[in-house]
Amino acid sequence: MFCNAAGDTAVAIALAGTIFFSGATSEARGQVALFLGLTMLPFAIVAPLIGPFLDRFSHGRRWAIGATFAIRAFLCWVLAGAIAADSVWLYPAALGVLVSSKAYGVTRAAAVPRLLPPEITLVKANGRVSLAGVVGATVSAPIAGAAAYFGAEWTLRLAFLIFVLGTIAAILLPAKVDSSEGERQVRGALGTGRGTGVPPKVAFALRVNCGPRWLSGFLTMYMAFLLRAEPIAGWEDRTTLLIGLVIGGAGLGNTLGIVIASVARKINPAVMVVVALIADIVICVVAAALYSVLAIVALGLTAGLMQYLAKVSLDSTIQTGVPPRYHSSTFARGDTTLQLAWVVGGFVGIAMPWIPQLGLGVAAVVLAAWAVFTLGSRPRRDAAAQPSAQPSGSPA
């Protein structure tokens, strides 16, 4: 995870001025909408193709993880040349890096349960993995920024070296990653017989997660436009700093979520996803009512914190509730669904009038309606209590 986050950070810094939009104004809405649509492309490939492909190689996880690093290393080298020569291969190679990055996330999440120490929970293990990613990004960012001074191609060559190291580290993972000994299968899960759905508790966790992810997309786009068009009184000449404070709050919230998941003795995933959704509703109401610097920073912090805790709870629910053979497909489907929720939220944020009380009030209403829907469809206790697991290898 350290090499993955470090490499992806270097790539993001290299491409920041060439692919991603750099400003948010009323004239930029169409460009930003196009960007939102493009963010779905990696997931459109990962879900129907890469997820099932990785499932077929459940006994070769080390090589699958290593391949996602090796492909990115090769594409970063191609990207470096494409940027230097202003080649048309820039965009296909960048898309390939994004797809490979998503494939790594799916494969890594599917491999975590195989390396889980008996004394810690999956939520805590996922938190520690994410914490390693934060460290990797923190170490890589200043080095990549310094390399960017000499040109984006040098930052991409740095990413190439990081991904090569990641390839080697993945291949050297313990052999236990490739072993299915002791794993348990879930009756009636994905791909068995005619059943194509996921277990009720997994479906519920995914539905609830769509709320925090929708809010993330909404705030990303809405606040970027709102704070430039209608800055808070006294901050008219410091809109960039204002946006930075909100982004910083979201980043701090995400980091706090990682720390909490890493050190908490026990987190109930089914409860945590609901708490995250309710907390987002409350903070949206508070931010709409007060609309001050403190309120919007608190909004960013809460949204970042709750999105992470909800997602790590979803990951642990999938890891325990879906047969290992179908982990990759399930994670790919889940990531695609959550990205779609993010994109929908972003489109709503772009279209919303720049009236903070109206925009944030609408966000609170949408989340409240989603909470009513999801809580009404939560799994019943008697269904959840039914035995759903049996030893691997038993007839399903």
Protein backbone atom coordinates (compact mmCIF):
# COMPACT_ATOMS: atom_id res chain seq x y z
CA MET A 1 0.00 0.00 0.00
CA PHE A 2 2.93 2.35 0.70
CA CYS A 3 4.27 2.00 -2.86
CA ASN A 4 0.78 2.22 -4.35
CA ALA A 5 -0.07 5.50 -2.62
CA ALA A 6 3.40 6.94 -3.23
CA GLY A 7 3.28 6.12 -6.93
CA ASP A 8 -0.28 7.34 -7.44
CA THR A 9 0.59 10.59 -5.66
CA ALA A 10 3.52 11.17 -8.01
CA VAL A 11 1.29 10.48 -11.03
CA ALA A 12 -1.40 12.86 -9.79
CA ILE A 13 1.19 15.64 -9.30
CA ALA A 14 2.62 15.04 -12.77
CA LEU A 15 -0.76 15.13 -14.50
CA ALA A 16 -2.34 17.90 -12.43
CA GLY A 17 -1.63 20.58 -15.00
CA THR A 18 -2.20 18.50 -18.12
CA ILE A 19 -5.40 16.52 -17.63
CA PHE A 20 -7.38 17.70 -14.63
CA PHE A 21 -9.28 20.98 -14.59
CA SER A 22 -7.48 23.76 -12.79
CA GLY A 23 -10.25 26.21 -12.07
CA ALA A 24 -13.93 26.31 -11.22
CA THR A 25 -15.96 29.15 -12.76
CA SER A 26 -19.38 29.41 -14.35
CA GLU A 27 -17.79 28.98 -17.80
CA ALA A 28 -16.08 25.77 -16.63
CA ARG A 29 -19.24 23.81 -15.80
CA GLY A 30 -19.26 21.93 -19.10
CA GLN A 31 -15.58 21.04 -18.77
CA VAL A 32 -16.07 19.81 -15.20
CA ALA A 33 -19.11 17.77 -16.25
CA LEU A 34 -16.97 16.09 -18.92
CA PHE A 35 -14.33 15.34 -16.27
CA LEU A 36 -16.99 13.70 -14.10
CA GLY A 37 -18.03 11.46 -16.96
CA LEU A 38 -14.43 10.46 -17.62
CA THR A 39 -13.95 9.40 -14.00
CA MET A 40 -16.40 6.55 -14.65
CA LEU A 41 -14.28 5.00 -17.40
CA PRO A 42 -11.83 3.12 -15.15
CA PHE A 43 -14.72 1.66 -13.16
CA ALA A 44 -16.62 0.74 -16.31
CA ILE A 45 -13.62 -1.43 -17.23
CA VAL A 46 -12.82 -2.75 -13.76
CA ALA A 47 -16.32 -3.98 -12.87
CA PRO A 48 -17.32 -6.14 -15.87
CA LEU A 49 -13.86 -7.26 -16.96
CA ILE A 50 -11.05 -7.06 -14.42
CA GLY A 51 -13.05 -8.14 -11.36
CA PRO A 52 -14.12 -11.54 -12.79
CA PHE A 53 -10.68 -11.97 -14.35
CA LEU A 54 -8.98 -11.58 -10.97
CA ASP A 55 -11.48 -13.99 -9.40
CA ARG A 56 -10.23 -16.70 -11.76
CA PHE A 57 -6.72 -16.27 -10.37
CA SER A 58 -7.54 -16.40 -6.67
CA HIS A 59 -4.46 -18.61 -6.13
CA GLY A 60 -2.11 -16.14 -7.81
CA ARG A 61 -2.78 -12.97 -5.85
CA ARG A 62 0.88 -12.03 -5.57
CA TRP A 63 1.26 -12.05 -9.34
CA ALA A 64 -2.03 -10.24 -9.86
CA ILE A 65 -1.04 -7.47 -7.43
CA GLY A 66 2.44 -7.34 -8.96
CA ALA A 67 0.94 -7.04 -12.44
CA THR A 68 -1.03 -3.92 -11.45
CA PHE A 69 2.27 -2.33 -10.37
CA ALA A 70 4.22 -3.51 -13.41
CA ILE A 71 1.61 -2.19 -15.83
CA ARG A 72 1.63 1.21 -14.13
CA ALA A 73 5.43 1.29 -14.20
CA PHE A 74 5.42 0.67 -17.96
CA LEU A 75 2.65 3.22 -18.60
CA CYS A 76 4.40 5.87 -16.49
CA TRP A 77 7.48 5.49 -18.66
CA VAL A 78 5.27 5.84 -21.76
CA LEU A 79 3.55 8.87 -20.20
CA ALA A 80 6.88 10.56 -19.50
CA GLY A 81 7.79 10.28 -23.18
CA ALA A 82 4.30 11.33 -24.29
CA ILE A 83 4.40 14.50 -22.22
CA ALA A 84 7.88 15.40 -23.42
CA ALA A 85 6.87 14.87 -27.07
CA ASP A 86 3.27 16.13 -26.68
CA SER A 87 2.10 12.75 -28.02
CA VAL A 88 -1.49 11.56 -28.54
CA TRP A 89 -0.63 8.58 -26.29
CA LEU A 90 -0.94 10.83 -23.25
CA TYR A 91 -4.62 10.19 -22.62
CA PRO A 92 -4.74 6.42 -23.34
CA ALA A 93 -1.71 5.88 -21.10
CA ALA A 94 -3.23 8.02 -18.33
CA LEU A 95 -6.47 6.03 -18.55
CA GLY A 96 -4.45 2.81 -18.32
CA VAL A 97 -2.78 4.04 -15.14
CA LEU A 98 -6.19 4.83 -13.61
CA VAL A 99 -7.59 1.42 -14.54
CA SER A 100 -4.53 -0.37 -13.14
CA SER A 101 -4.79 1.65 -9.94
CA LYS A 102 -8.42 0.60 -9.47
CA ALA A 103 -7.49 -3.02 -10.24
CA TYR A 104 -4.85 -2.85 -7.50
CA GLY A 105 -7.43 -1.60 -4.99
CA VAL A 106 -9.76 -4.47 -5.84
CA THR A 107 -7.01 -7.11 -5.65
CA ARG A 108 -5.48 -5.72 -2.46
CA ALA A 109 -8.85 -5.68 -0.69
CA ALA A 110 -9.45 -9.28 -1.71
CA ALA A 111 -6.02 -10.33 -0.38
CA VAL A 112 -6.22 -8.63 3.03
CA PRO A 113 -8.25 -11.41 4.74
CA ARG A 114 -5.61 -13.98 3.80
CA LEU A 115 -2.94 -12.08 5.76
CA LEU A 116 -5.16 -11.09 8.69
CA PRO A 117 -3.49 -11.73 12.08
CA PRO A 118 -5.88 -13.60 14.41
CA GLU A 119 -5.72 -10.93 17.10
CA ILE A 120 -7.15 -8.01 15.05
CA THR A 121 -10.39 -7.33 13.19
CA LEU A 122 -10.77 -6.70 9.47
CA VAL A 123 -11.79 -3.09 10.10
CA LYS A 124 -8.57 -2.51 12.05
CA ALA A 125 -6.51 -4.31 9.41
CA ASN A 126 -8.03 -2.20 6.63
CA GLY A 127 -7.31 0.90 8.69
CA ARG A 128 -3.66 -0.03 9.11
CA VAL A 129 -3.34 -0.68 5.39
CA SER A 130 -4.81 2.75 4.67
CA LEU A 131 -2.46 4.31 7.23
CA ALA A 132 0.48 2.88 5.29
CA GLY A 133 -0.98 4.57 2.23
CA VAL A 134 -1.12 7.93 4.01
CA VAL A 135 2.54 7.57 4.97
CA GLY A 136 3.43 6.68 1.39
CA ALA A 137 1.61 9.69 -0.03
CA THR A 138 3.15 11.99 2.60
CA VAL A 139 6.67 10.82 1.79
CA SER A 140 6.14 10.89 -1.97
CA ALA A 141 4.41 14.28 -2.34
CA PRO A 142 7.38 16.58 -1.57
CA ILE A 143 9.81 14.44 -3.58
CA ALA A 144 7.42 14.34 -6.55
CA GLY A 145 6.85 18.07 -6.23
CA ALA A 146 10.60 18.69 -6.34
CA ALA A 147 10.92 16.46 -9.43
CA ALA A 148 8.08 18.39 -11.10
CA TYR A 149 10.28 21.50 -10.95
CA PHE A 150 12.36 19.92 -13.74
CA GLY A 151 9.27 18.81 -15.68
CA ALA A 152 6.29 16.48 -15.33
CA GLU A 153 8.18 13.74 -17.17
CA TRP A 154 10.69 13.51 -14.29
CA THR A 155 7.88 13.06 -11.78
CA LEU A 156 6.55 10.22 -13.92
CA ARG A 157 9.98 8.61 -14.03
CA LEU A 158 9.99 8.78 -10.23
CA ALA A 159 6.60 7.04 -10.28
CA PHE A 160 8.11 4.41 -12.61
CA LEU A 161 10.78 3.59 -10.01
CA ILE A 162 8.20 3.45 -7.19
CA PHE A 163 5.98 1.07 -9.13
CA VAL A 164 8.95 -1.17 -9.97
CA LEU A 165 9.65 -1.43 -6.23
CA GLY A 166 5.95 -2.18 -5.68
CA THR A 167 6.11 -4.98 -8.25
CA ILE A 168 9.02 -6.60 -6.43
CA ALA A 169 7.38 -6.16 -3.01
CA ALA A 170 4.14 -7.74 -4.26
CA ILE A 171 5.89 -10.82 -5.63
CA LEU A 172 7.74 -11.21 -2.31
CA LEU A 173 4.50 -11.24 -0.28
CA PRO A 174 4.02 -14.33 1.97
CA ALA A 175 2.83 -17.46 0.17
CA LYS A 176 -0.26 -17.36 2.38
CA VAL A 177 -1.71 -14.74 0.00
CA ASP A 178 -2.07 -17.50 -2.61
CA SER A 179 -3.53 -20.05 -0.20
CA SER A 180 -7.22 -20.67 0.36
CA GLU A 181 -6.68 -22.94 3.36
CA GLY A 182 -9.15 -22.26 6.14
CA GLU A 183 -11.33 -19.94 4.07
CA ARG A 184 -15.06 -20.33 4.24
CA GLN A 185 -17.66 -20.16 1.51
CA VAL A 186 -21.02 -18.42 1.76
CA ARG A 187 -24.05 -20.36 0.62
CA GLY A 188 -26.03 -18.78 -2.21
CA ALA A 189 -23.51 -16.03 -2.91
CA LEU A 190 -22.23 -14.54 -6.13
CA GLY A 191 -21.89 -16.83 -9.06
CA THR A 192 -23.20 -19.98 -7.35
CA GLY A 193 -25.99 -21.61 -9.24
CA ARG A 194 -28.57 -19.09 -10.40
CA GLY A 195 -27.88 -16.61 -7.60
CA THR A 196 -26.37 -13.35 -8.82
CA GLY A 197 -27.01 -11.11 -5.84
CA VAL A 198 -24.90 -10.38 -2.79
CA PRO A 199 -25.71 -11.29 0.83
CA PRO A 200 -28.27 -8.90 2.39
CA LYS A 201 -25.82 -7.37 4.87
CA VAL A 202 -23.37 -6.56 2.06
CA ALA A 203 -26.09 -5.04 -0.11
CA PHE A 204 -27.28 -2.95 2.85
CA ALA A 205 -23.77 -1.68 3.64
CA LEU A 206 -23.26 -0.76 -0.01
CA ARG A 207 -26.56 1.11 -0.24
CA VAL A 208 -25.85 3.11 2.91
CA ASN A 209 -22.34 3.93 1.63
CA CYS A 210 -23.86 5.59 -1.42
CA GLY A 211 -25.04 8.42 0.86
CA PRO A 212 -21.61 9.57 2.14
CA ARG A 213 -20.09 9.01 -1.30
CA TRP A 214 -22.87 11.09 -2.95
CA LEU A 215 -22.18 13.88 -0.45
CA SER A 216 -18.46 13.73 -1.24
CA GLY A 217 -19.11 14.25 -4.95
CA PHE A 218 -21.65 16.99 -4.25
CA LEU A 219 -19.35 18.93 -1.92
CA THR A 220 -16.32 18.55 -4.19
CA MET A 221 -18.09 20.31 -7.06
CA TYR A 222 -20.57 22.54 -5.23
CA MET A 223 -18.12 24.06 -2.76
CA ALA A 224 -15.49 24.64 -5.47
CA PHE A 225 -17.99 26.78 -7.42
CA LEU A 226 -19.82 28.28 -4.43
CA LEU A 227 -16.77 29.55 -2.58
CA ARG A 228 -15.47 31.26 -5.72
CA ALA A 229 -18.79 32.78 -6.76
CA GLU A 230 -20.21 33.58 -3.31
CA PRO A 231 -17.32 33.64 -0.81
CA ILE A 232 -17.98 34.09 2.89
CA ALA A 233 -17.97 37.73 4.02
CA GLY A 234 -14.43 38.88 4.68
CA TRP A 235 -12.89 36.17 2.49
CA GLU A 236 -13.60 37.71 -0.93
CA ASP A 237 -9.88 38.05 -1.74
CA ARG A 238 -8.88 34.72 -0.22
CA THR A 239 -11.15 32.22 -1.99
CA THR A 240 -8.25 29.86 -2.78
CA LEU A 241 -7.32 29.74 0.90
CA LEU A 242 -10.97 29.18 1.79
CA ILE A 243 -11.23 26.23 -0.58
CA GLY A 244 -7.94 24.93 0.78
CA LEU A 245 -9.34 24.99 4.32
CA VAL A 246 -12.35 22.91 3.28
CA ILE A 247 -10.15 20.42 1.38
CA GLY A 248 -7.76 20.31 4.32
CA GLY A 249 -10.67 19.59 6.66
CA ALA A 250 -11.79 16.71 4.45
CA GLY A 251 -8.24 15.35 4.33
CA LEU A 252 -7.91 15.62 8.09
CA GLY A 253 -11.22 13.82 8.52
CA ASN A 254 -10.06 11.02 6.25
CA THR A 255 -6.82 10.71 8.21
CA LEU A 256 -8.71 10.65 11.51
CA GLY A 257 -10.87 7.86 10.11
CA ILE A 258 -7.77 5.86 9.24
CA VAL A 259 -6.35 6.36 12.73
CA ILE A 260 -9.66 5.43 14.41
CA ALA A 261 -10.01 2.28 12.31
CA SER A 262 -6.39 1.37 13.04
CA VAL A 263 -6.53 1.68 16.83
CA ALA A 264 -10.16 0.96 17.73
CA ARG A 265 -10.67 -2.30 19.58
CA LYS A 266 -13.85 -3.08 17.72
CA ILE A 267 -16.10 -1.33 15.19
CA ASN A 268 -19.45 -2.84 14.25
CA PRO A 269 -19.61 -2.33 10.45
CA ALA A 270 -23.43 -2.56 10.28
CA VAL A 271 -23.79 0.17 12.91
CA MET A 272 -20.93 2.32 11.62
CA VAL A 273 -22.37 2.78 8.13
CA VAL A 274 -25.65 4.05 9.60
CA VAL A 275 -23.86 6.38 12.03
CA ALA A 276 -21.86 7.81 9.12
CA LEU A 277 -24.99 8.58 7.10
CA ILE A 278 -26.79 10.21 10.04
CA ALA A 279 -23.70 12.29 10.95
CA ASP A 280 -23.54 13.61 7.38
CA ILE A 281 -27.18 14.68 7.56
CA VAL A 282 -26.64 16.54 10.82
CA ILE A 283 -23.52 18.39 9.65
CA CYS A 284 -25.23 19.46 6.41
CA VAL A 285 -28.09 20.97 8.43
CA VAL A 286 -25.62 22.75 10.74
CA ALA A 287 -23.54 24.10 7.83
CA ALA A 288 -26.65 25.34 6.01
CA ALA A 289 -27.95 27.09 9.14
CA LEU A 290 -24.67 28.72 10.19
CA TYR A 291 -22.63 28.97 6.94
CA SER A 292 -19.37 30.25 8.33
CA VAL A 293 -15.73 29.31 7.89
CA LEU A 294 -15.87 27.10 10.96
CA ALA A 295 -19.08 25.45 9.78
CA ILE A 296 -17.82 24.55 6.30
CA VAL A 297 -14.47 23.31 7.66
CA ALA A 298 -16.43 21.12 10.09
CA LEU A 299 -18.54 19.99 7.12
CA GLY A 300 -15.43 18.93 5.20
CA LEU A 301 -13.92 17.21 8.22
CA THR A 302 -17.10 15.27 9.04
CA ALA A 303 -17.69 14.27 5.42
CA GLY A 304 -14.11 12.99 5.08
CA LEU A 305 -14.23 11.12 8.39
CA MET A 306 -17.60 9.49 7.78
CA GLN A 307 -16.86 8.53 4.20
CA TYR A 308 -13.75 6.66 5.26
CA LEU A 309 -15.34 4.88 8.23
CA ALA A 310 -18.32 3.88 6.10
CA LYS A 311 -16.08 2.56 3.30
CA VAL A 312 -13.77 0.57 5.59
CA SER A 313 -16.86 -0.96 7.21
CA LEU A 314 -18.17 -1.92 3.76
CA ASP A 315 -14.83 -3.51 2.89
CA SER A 316 -14.84 -5.66 6.02
CA THR A 317 -18.47 -6.66 5.38
CA ILE A 318 -17.56 -7.85 1.88
CA GLN A 319 -14.45 -9.63 3.13
CA THR A 320 -16.47 -11.60 5.70
CA GLY A 321 -19.79 -11.98 3.87
CA VAL A 322 -18.76 -12.98 0.33
CA PRO A 323 -16.85 -16.12 -0.71
CA PRO A 324 -13.15 -15.40 -1.34
CA ARG A 325 -13.55 -16.65 -4.89
CA TYR A 326 -15.86 -13.71 -5.65
CA HIS A 327 -14.11 -10.96 -3.66
CA SER A 328 -12.64 -9.21 -6.70
CA SER A 329 -15.94 -9.08 -8.59
CA THR A 330 -17.80 -7.84 -5.53
CA PHE A 331 -15.25 -5.13 -4.75
CA ALA A 332 -15.28 -4.04 -8.40
CA ARG A 333 -19.07 -3.82 -8.42
CA GLY A 334 -19.07 -1.97 -5.13
CA ASP A 335 -16.45 0.55 -6.26
CA THR A 336 -18.37 1.15 -9.48
CA THR A 337 -21.61 1.76 -7.58
CA LEU A 338 -19.92 4.17 -5.17
CA GLN A 339 -18.18 6.03 -7.99
CA LEU A 340 -21.53 6.39 -9.75
CA ALA A 341 -22.98 7.87 -6.55
CA TRP A 342 -20.03 10.29 -6.41
CA VAL A 343 -20.56 11.33 -10.04
CA VAL A 344 -24.30 11.86 -9.52
CA GLY A 345 -23.54 14.00 -6.48
CA GLY A 346 -21.03 15.97 -8.54
CA PHE A 347 -23.55 16.62 -11.31
CA VAL A 348 -26.07 17.84 -8.73
CA GLY A 349 -23.40 20.09 -7.23
CA ILE A 350 -22.62 21.61 -10.64
CA ALA A 351 -26.29 22.28 -11.42
CA MET A 352 -27.23 23.67 -7.98
CA PRO A 353 -27.72 27.47 -7.63
CA TRP A 354 -25.00 29.22 -5.65
CA ILE A 355 -27.14 29.81 -2.59
CA PRO A 356 -25.46 28.03 0.36
CA GLN A 357 -28.61 27.57 2.47
CA LEU A 358 -30.44 26.11 -0.52
CA GLY A 359 -27.61 23.87 -1.75
CA LEU A 360 -26.63 22.44 1.63
CA GLY A 361 -30.30 22.17 2.62
CA VAL A 362 -31.02 20.13 -0.50
CA ALA A 363 -28.03 17.90 0.32
CA ALA A 364 -29.45 17.28 3.82
CA VAL A 365 -32.89 16.46 2.40
CA VAL A 366 -31.45 14.05 -0.20
CA LEU A 367 -29.38 12.26 2.45
CA ALA A 368 -32.36 12.10 4.83
CA ALA A 369 -34.53 10.58 2.11
CA TRP A 370 -31.79 8.08 1.31
CA ALA A 371 -31.50 7.19 5.01
CA VAL A 372 -35.24 6.48 5.20
CA PHE A 373 -35.01 4.28 2.10
CA THR A 374 -31.94 2.34 3.18
CA LEU A 375 -33.04 1.83 6.79
CA GLY A 376 -36.39 0.58 5.52
CA SER A 377 -34.59 -2.05 3.44
CA ARG A 378 -32.12 -3.19 6.11
CA PRO A 379 -31.79 -6.96 6.64
CA ARG A 380 -34.09 -8.45 9.26
CA ARG A 381 -32.45 -9.97 12.30
CA ASP A 382 -33.90 -13.40 11.70
CA ALA A 383 -32.47 -13.43 8.18
CA ALA A 384 -29.09 -12.22 9.38
CA ALA A 385 -29.03 -14.86 12.07
CA GLN A 386 -29.43 -17.73 9.62
CA PRO A 387 -26.23 -19.74 9.10
CA SER A 388 -24.61 -18.63 5.87
CA ALA A 389 -21.15 -20.12 5.96
CA GLN A 390 -19.74 -23.55 5.55
CA PRO A 391 -16.23 -24.93 5.21
CA SER A 392 -14.50 -24.33 1.89
CA GLY A 393 -14.84 -27.25 -0.42
CA SER A 394 -18.22 -28.41 0.92
CA PRO A 395 -20.99 -28.82 -1.64
CA ALA A 396 -22.89 -25.52 -1.97
